Amino acid sequence: MNLVIGGGKIILDEMIAGTDRGLLVTRLWYIRELDPYEKVMYRHDSRRLFLVEKRKVSRSVRNFRFNQSILQMLRNVEALGPARRATAEESFEMVVPPMKS
């Protein structure tokens, strides 16, 4: 299984500087598929997750959980950074960019 997503030219600091309020997810771990047809994924983890307020990273966030369709998330991407190779902790290597959605 491979995941390869081409990147863009916007760097992560620019994405943060363009965000009034949001979440910065720096590590995706313990992701499980809930609906294989709609590609709905589940994550419950509080490691390396930060609140972005007033265009700056303000603090870490705990007890974060999401159920999100990967397809829906990709439809809402606003910006992409340069793609890079990453090793998933649970299964496979991938080439992915930082994304803002």
N, C-alpha and C. Protein backbone atom coordinates (compact mmCIF):
# COMPACT_ATOMS: atom_id res chain seq x y z
N MET A 1 0.84 -1.17 0.00
CA MET A 1 0.00 0.00 0.00
C MET A 1 0.89 1.23 0.00
N ASN A 2 0.59 2.19 -0.88
CA ASN A 2 1.35 3.42 -0.97
C ASN A 2 0.42 4.62 -0.95
N LEU A 3 0.90 5.68 -0.36
CA LEU A 3 0.18 6.95 -0.40
C LEU A 3 1.17 7.98 -0.91
N VAL A 4 0.85 8.59 -2.05
CA VAL A 4 1.71 9.62 -2.64
C VAL A 4 0.82 10.80 -3.02
N ILE A 5 1.12 11.96 -2.45
CA ILE A 5 0.37 13.18 -2.75
C ILE A 5 1.39 14.24 -3.15
N GLY A 6 1.22 14.80 -4.35
CA GLY A 6 2.11 15.86 -4.79
C GLY A 6 1.94 17.09 -3.93
N GLY A 7 2.98 17.86 -3.81
CA GLY A 7 2.94 19.01 -2.92
C GLY A 7 2.83 20.34 -3.64
N GLY A 8 2.90 21.40 -2.85
CA GLY A 8 2.86 22.77 -3.34
C GLY A 8 4.09 23.52 -2.87
N LYS A 9 3.98 24.82 -2.78
CA LYS A 9 5.14 25.64 -2.45
C LYS A 9 5.01 26.41 -1.14
N ILE A 10 3.87 26.32 -0.49
CA ILE A 10 3.65 27.09 0.74
C ILE A 10 4.28 26.34 1.91
N ILE A 11 5.09 27.03 2.72
CA ILE A 11 5.73 26.39 3.86
C ILE A 11 4.79 26.41 5.06
N LEU A 12 5.05 25.53 6.01
CA LEU A 12 4.19 25.39 7.18
C LEU A 12 4.03 26.70 7.95
N ASP A 13 5.12 27.46 8.12
CA ASP A 13 5.03 28.73 8.84
C ASP A 13 4.05 29.69 8.16
N GLU A 14 3.97 29.67 6.85
CA GLU A 14 3.02 30.51 6.13
C GLU A 14 1.58 30.04 6.35
N MET A 15 1.40 28.73 6.42
CA MET A 15 0.07 28.19 6.70
C MET A 15 -0.41 28.63 8.08
N ILE A 16 0.48 28.56 9.06
CA ILE A 16 0.14 28.98 10.43
C ILE A 16 -0.15 30.48 10.45
N ALA A 17 0.68 31.26 9.78
CA ALA A 17 0.50 32.72 9.75
C ALA A 17 -0.80 33.13 9.07
N GLY A 18 -1.38 32.26 8.27
CA GLY A 18 -2.64 32.54 7.60
C GLY A 18 -3.85 31.95 8.30
N THR A 19 -3.69 31.52 9.55
CA THR A 19 -4.77 30.86 10.29
C THR A 19 -5.11 31.65 11.55
N ASP A 20 -6.35 32.13 11.64
CA ASP A 20 -6.77 32.85 12.85
C ASP A 20 -7.02 31.90 14.01
N ARG A 21 -7.66 30.76 13.72
CA ARG A 21 -7.91 29.75 14.76
C ARG A 21 -8.00 28.40 14.08
N GLY A 22 -7.23 27.43 14.60
CA GLY A 22 -7.23 26.10 14.02
C GLY A 22 -6.41 25.14 14.84
N LEU A 23 -6.24 23.95 14.33
CA LEU A 23 -5.43 22.93 14.98
C LEU A 23 -4.26 22.56 14.08
N LEU A 24 -3.10 22.41 14.69
CA LEU A 24 -1.90 21.95 13.99
C LEU A 24 -1.66 20.51 14.44
N VAL A 25 -1.81 19.59 13.51
CA VAL A 25 -1.60 18.17 13.79
C VAL A 25 -0.22 17.82 13.24
N THR A 26 0.70 17.48 14.12
CA THR A 26 2.07 17.20 13.68
C THR A 26 2.40 15.72 13.68
N ARG A 27 1.48 14.91 14.14
CA ARG A 27 1.71 13.47 14.15
C ARG A 27 0.37 12.76 14.01
N LEU A 28 0.28 11.90 13.03
CA LEU A 28 -0.91 11.08 12.87
C LEU A 28 -0.56 9.66 13.31
N TRP A 29 -1.18 9.23 14.36
CA TRP A 29 -0.91 7.92 14.94
C TRP A 29 -2.23 7.32 15.39
N TYR A 30 -2.30 6.03 15.35
CA TYR A 30 -3.49 5.28 15.75
C TYR A 30 -4.71 5.72 14.96
N ILE A 31 -4.60 5.67 13.65
CA ILE A 31 -5.72 5.97 12.78
C ILE A 31 -6.36 4.65 12.37
N ARG A 32 -7.66 4.58 12.48
CA ARG A 32 -8.39 3.38 12.12
C ARG A 32 -9.49 3.74 11.12
N GLU A 33 -9.77 2.82 10.22
CA GLU A 33 -10.80 3.03 9.22
C GLU A 33 -12.15 2.59 9.78
N LEU A 34 -13.14 3.48 9.75
CA LEU A 34 -14.48 3.15 10.23
C LEU A 34 -15.40 2.74 9.09
N ASP A 35 -15.25 3.39 7.94
CA ASP A 35 -16.11 3.11 6.80
C ASP A 35 -15.24 3.01 5.55
N PRO A 36 -14.98 1.79 5.07
CA PRO A 36 -14.07 1.63 3.93
C PRO A 36 -14.61 2.22 2.63
N TYR A 37 -15.93 2.29 2.47
CA TYR A 37 -16.50 2.84 1.24
C TYR A 37 -16.35 4.36 1.17
N GLU A 38 -16.66 5.03 2.27
CA GLU A 38 -16.56 6.49 2.33
C GLU A 38 -15.19 6.96 2.82
N LYS A 39 -14.32 6.02 3.20
CA LYS A 39 -12.98 6.31 3.72
C LYS A 39 -13.02 7.20 4.96
N VAL A 40 -13.95 6.88 5.87
CA VAL A 40 -14.04 7.60 7.14
C VAL A 40 -13.01 7.01 8.09
N MET A 41 -12.19 7.88 8.64
CA MET A 41 -11.12 7.47 9.55
C MET A 41 -11.42 8.00 10.95
N TYR A 42 -10.85 7.33 11.93
CA TYR A 42 -11.02 7.67 13.34
C TYR A 42 -9.63 7.85 13.94
N ARG A 43 -9.51 8.86 14.77
CA ARG A 43 -8.25 9.07 15.49
C ARG A 43 -8.58 9.60 16.87
N HIS A 44 -7.94 9.05 17.87
CA HIS A 44 -8.05 9.58 19.23
C HIS A 44 -6.65 9.57 19.81
N ASP A 45 -6.09 10.74 19.89
CA ASP A 45 -4.70 10.85 20.35
C ASP A 45 -4.45 12.30 20.68
N SER A 46 -3.65 12.57 21.65
CA SER A 46 -3.37 13.95 22.01
C SER A 46 -1.89 14.29 21.90
N ARG A 47 -1.13 13.45 21.26
CA ARG A 47 0.29 13.74 21.14
C ARG A 47 0.55 14.66 19.96
N ARG A 48 1.37 15.64 20.18
CA ARG A 48 1.84 16.54 19.13
C ARG A 48 0.69 17.20 18.37
N LEU A 49 -0.24 17.76 19.13
CA LEU A 49 -1.39 18.48 18.59
C LEU A 49 -1.43 19.84 19.27
N PHE A 50 -1.57 20.92 18.47
CA PHE A 50 -1.44 22.26 19.01
C PHE A 50 -2.56 23.17 18.50
N LEU A 51 -2.95 24.12 19.34
CA LEU A 51 -3.94 25.12 18.98
C LEU A 51 -3.23 26.29 18.31
N VAL A 52 -3.78 26.73 17.20
CA VAL A 52 -3.29 27.93 16.52
C VAL A 52 -4.33 29.02 16.77
N GLU A 53 -3.88 30.13 17.37
CA GLU A 53 -4.74 31.27 17.63
C GLU A 53 -4.03 32.54 17.20
N LYS A 54 -4.74 33.41 16.53
CA LYS A 54 -4.20 34.70 16.10
C LYS A 54 -2.90 34.53 15.32
N ARG A 55 -2.90 33.50 14.46
CA ARG A 55 -1.80 33.27 13.52
C ARG A 55 -0.50 32.79 14.17
N LYS A 56 -0.63 32.22 15.40
CA LYS A 56 0.53 31.68 16.11
C LYS A 56 0.14 30.40 16.83
N VAL A 57 1.09 29.49 17.00
CA VAL A 57 0.86 28.29 17.81
C VAL A 57 0.83 28.74 19.26
N SER A 58 -0.30 28.48 19.95
CA SER A 58 -0.44 29.01 21.30
C SER A 58 -0.22 27.98 22.41
N ARG A 59 -0.69 26.74 22.21
CA ARG A 59 -0.53 25.74 23.27
C ARG A 59 -0.86 24.36 22.74
N SER A 60 -0.53 23.34 23.52
CA SER A 60 -0.88 21.98 23.14
C SER A 60 -2.35 21.71 23.48
N VAL A 61 -2.93 20.73 22.80
CA VAL A 61 -4.33 20.36 22.99
C VAL A 61 -4.38 18.90 23.39
N ARG A 62 -5.30 18.56 24.29
CA ARG A 62 -5.46 17.18 24.75
C ARG A 62 -6.85 16.67 24.42
N ASN A 63 -6.97 15.35 24.45
CA ASN A 63 -8.26 14.67 24.25
C ASN A 63 -8.91 15.04 22.92
N PHE A 64 -8.16 14.92 21.87
CA PHE A 64 -8.63 15.22 20.53
C PHE A 64 -9.10 13.95 19.86
N ARG A 65 -10.25 14.02 19.22
CA ARG A 65 -10.79 12.87 18.50
C ARG A 65 -11.45 13.37 17.23
N PHE A 66 -11.26 12.64 16.15
CA PHE A 66 -12.00 12.98 14.94
C PHE A 66 -12.48 11.74 14.23
N ASN A 67 -13.60 11.88 13.56
CA ASN A 67 -14.12 10.92 12.58
C ASN A 67 -14.26 11.75 11.31
N GLN A 68 -13.44 11.47 10.32
CA GLN A 68 -13.39 12.31 9.12
C GLN A 68 -13.19 11.45 7.90
N SER A 69 -13.90 11.78 6.85
CA SER A 69 -13.67 11.14 5.56
C SER A 69 -12.42 11.76 4.94
N ILE A 70 -11.47 10.92 4.58
CA ILE A 70 -10.27 11.40 3.90
C ILE A 70 -10.66 12.10 2.59
N LEU A 71 -11.65 11.58 1.91
CA LEU A 71 -12.10 12.18 0.65
C LEU A 71 -12.64 13.58 0.88
N GLN A 72 -13.44 13.77 1.92
CA GLN A 72 -13.97 15.09 2.25
C GLN A 72 -12.85 16.04 2.67
N MET A 73 -11.91 15.55 3.47
CA MET A 73 -10.79 16.38 3.91
C MET A 73 -10.00 16.87 2.70
N LEU A 74 -9.73 15.99 1.74
CA LEU A 74 -8.96 16.38 0.57
C LEU A 74 -9.71 17.38 -0.31
N ARG A 75 -11.03 17.32 -0.31
CA ARG A 75 -11.83 18.31 -1.07
C ARG A 75 -11.72 19.70 -0.46
N ASN A 76 -11.36 19.79 0.81
CA ASN A 76 -11.30 21.08 1.51
C ASN A 76 -9.88 21.62 1.67
N VAL A 77 -8.91 21.04 1.02
CA VAL A 77 -7.52 21.50 1.15
C VAL A 77 -7.39 22.89 0.54
N GLU A 78 -6.84 23.81 1.33
CA GLU A 78 -6.61 25.19 0.88
C GLU A 78 -5.18 25.41 0.41
N ALA A 79 -4.23 24.70 1.02
CA ALA A 79 -2.82 24.93 0.71
C ALA A 79 -2.02 23.65 0.91
N LEU A 80 -0.97 23.49 0.11
CA LEU A 80 -0.06 22.35 0.21
C LEU A 80 1.37 22.85 0.29
N GLY A 81 2.14 22.22 1.17
CA GLY A 81 3.57 22.50 1.23
C GLY A 81 4.33 21.49 0.39
N PRO A 82 5.65 21.56 0.39
CA PRO A 82 6.46 20.60 -0.37
C PRO A 82 6.29 19.17 0.17
N ALA A 83 6.09 18.23 -0.73
CA ALA A 83 5.92 16.83 -0.32
C ALA A 83 7.24 16.28 0.20
N ARG A 84 7.13 15.35 1.14
CA ARG A 84 8.33 14.68 1.67
C ARG A 84 7.98 13.25 2.04
N ARG A 85 8.98 12.42 2.04
CA ARG A 85 8.79 11.02 2.40
C ARG A 85 8.66 10.90 3.91
N ALA A 86 7.68 10.12 4.32
CA ALA A 86 7.46 9.89 5.75
C ALA A 86 7.20 8.41 5.96
N THR A 87 7.57 7.92 7.11
CA THR A 87 7.31 6.53 7.46
C THR A 87 6.18 6.49 8.47
N ALA A 88 5.13 5.81 8.12
CA ALA A 88 4.02 5.64 9.06
C ALA A 88 4.46 4.69 10.16
N GLU A 89 3.99 4.95 11.35
CA GLU A 89 4.40 4.13 12.49
C GLU A 89 3.74 2.76 12.48
N GLU A 90 2.67 2.61 11.76
CA GLU A 90 1.91 1.38 11.85
C GLU A 90 1.96 0.50 10.62
N SER A 91 2.28 1.08 9.42
CA SER A 91 2.14 0.19 8.28
C SER A 91 3.04 0.47 7.09
N PHE A 92 3.09 1.66 6.56
CA PHE A 92 3.72 1.86 5.27
C PHE A 92 4.38 3.22 5.16
N GLU A 93 5.23 3.35 4.15
CA GLU A 93 5.83 4.64 3.86
C GLU A 93 4.92 5.43 2.93
N MET A 94 5.06 6.75 2.97
CA MET A 94 4.25 7.59 2.11
C MET A 94 5.02 8.84 1.72
N VAL A 95 4.55 9.52 0.70
CA VAL A 95 5.07 10.81 0.30
C VAL A 95 3.90 11.78 0.40
N VAL A 96 3.98 12.73 1.35
CA VAL A 96 2.87 13.63 1.60
C VAL A 96 3.39 15.03 1.91
N PRO A 97 2.59 16.05 1.59
CA PRO A 97 2.96 17.42 1.94
C PRO A 97 2.23 17.87 3.20
N PRO A 98 2.71 18.92 3.85
CA PRO A 98 1.86 19.57 4.87
C PRO A 98 0.62 20.10 4.17
N MET A 99 -0.53 20.01 4.82
CA MET A 99 -1.78 20.46 4.22
C MET A 99 -2.53 21.38 5.17
N LYS A 100 -3.20 22.35 4.59
CA LYS A 100 -4.11 23.21 5.35
C LYS A 100 -5.50 23.03 4.76
N SER A 101 -6.45 22.64 5.61
CA SER A 101 -7.82 22.52 5.12
C SER A 101 -8.78 23.15 6.11
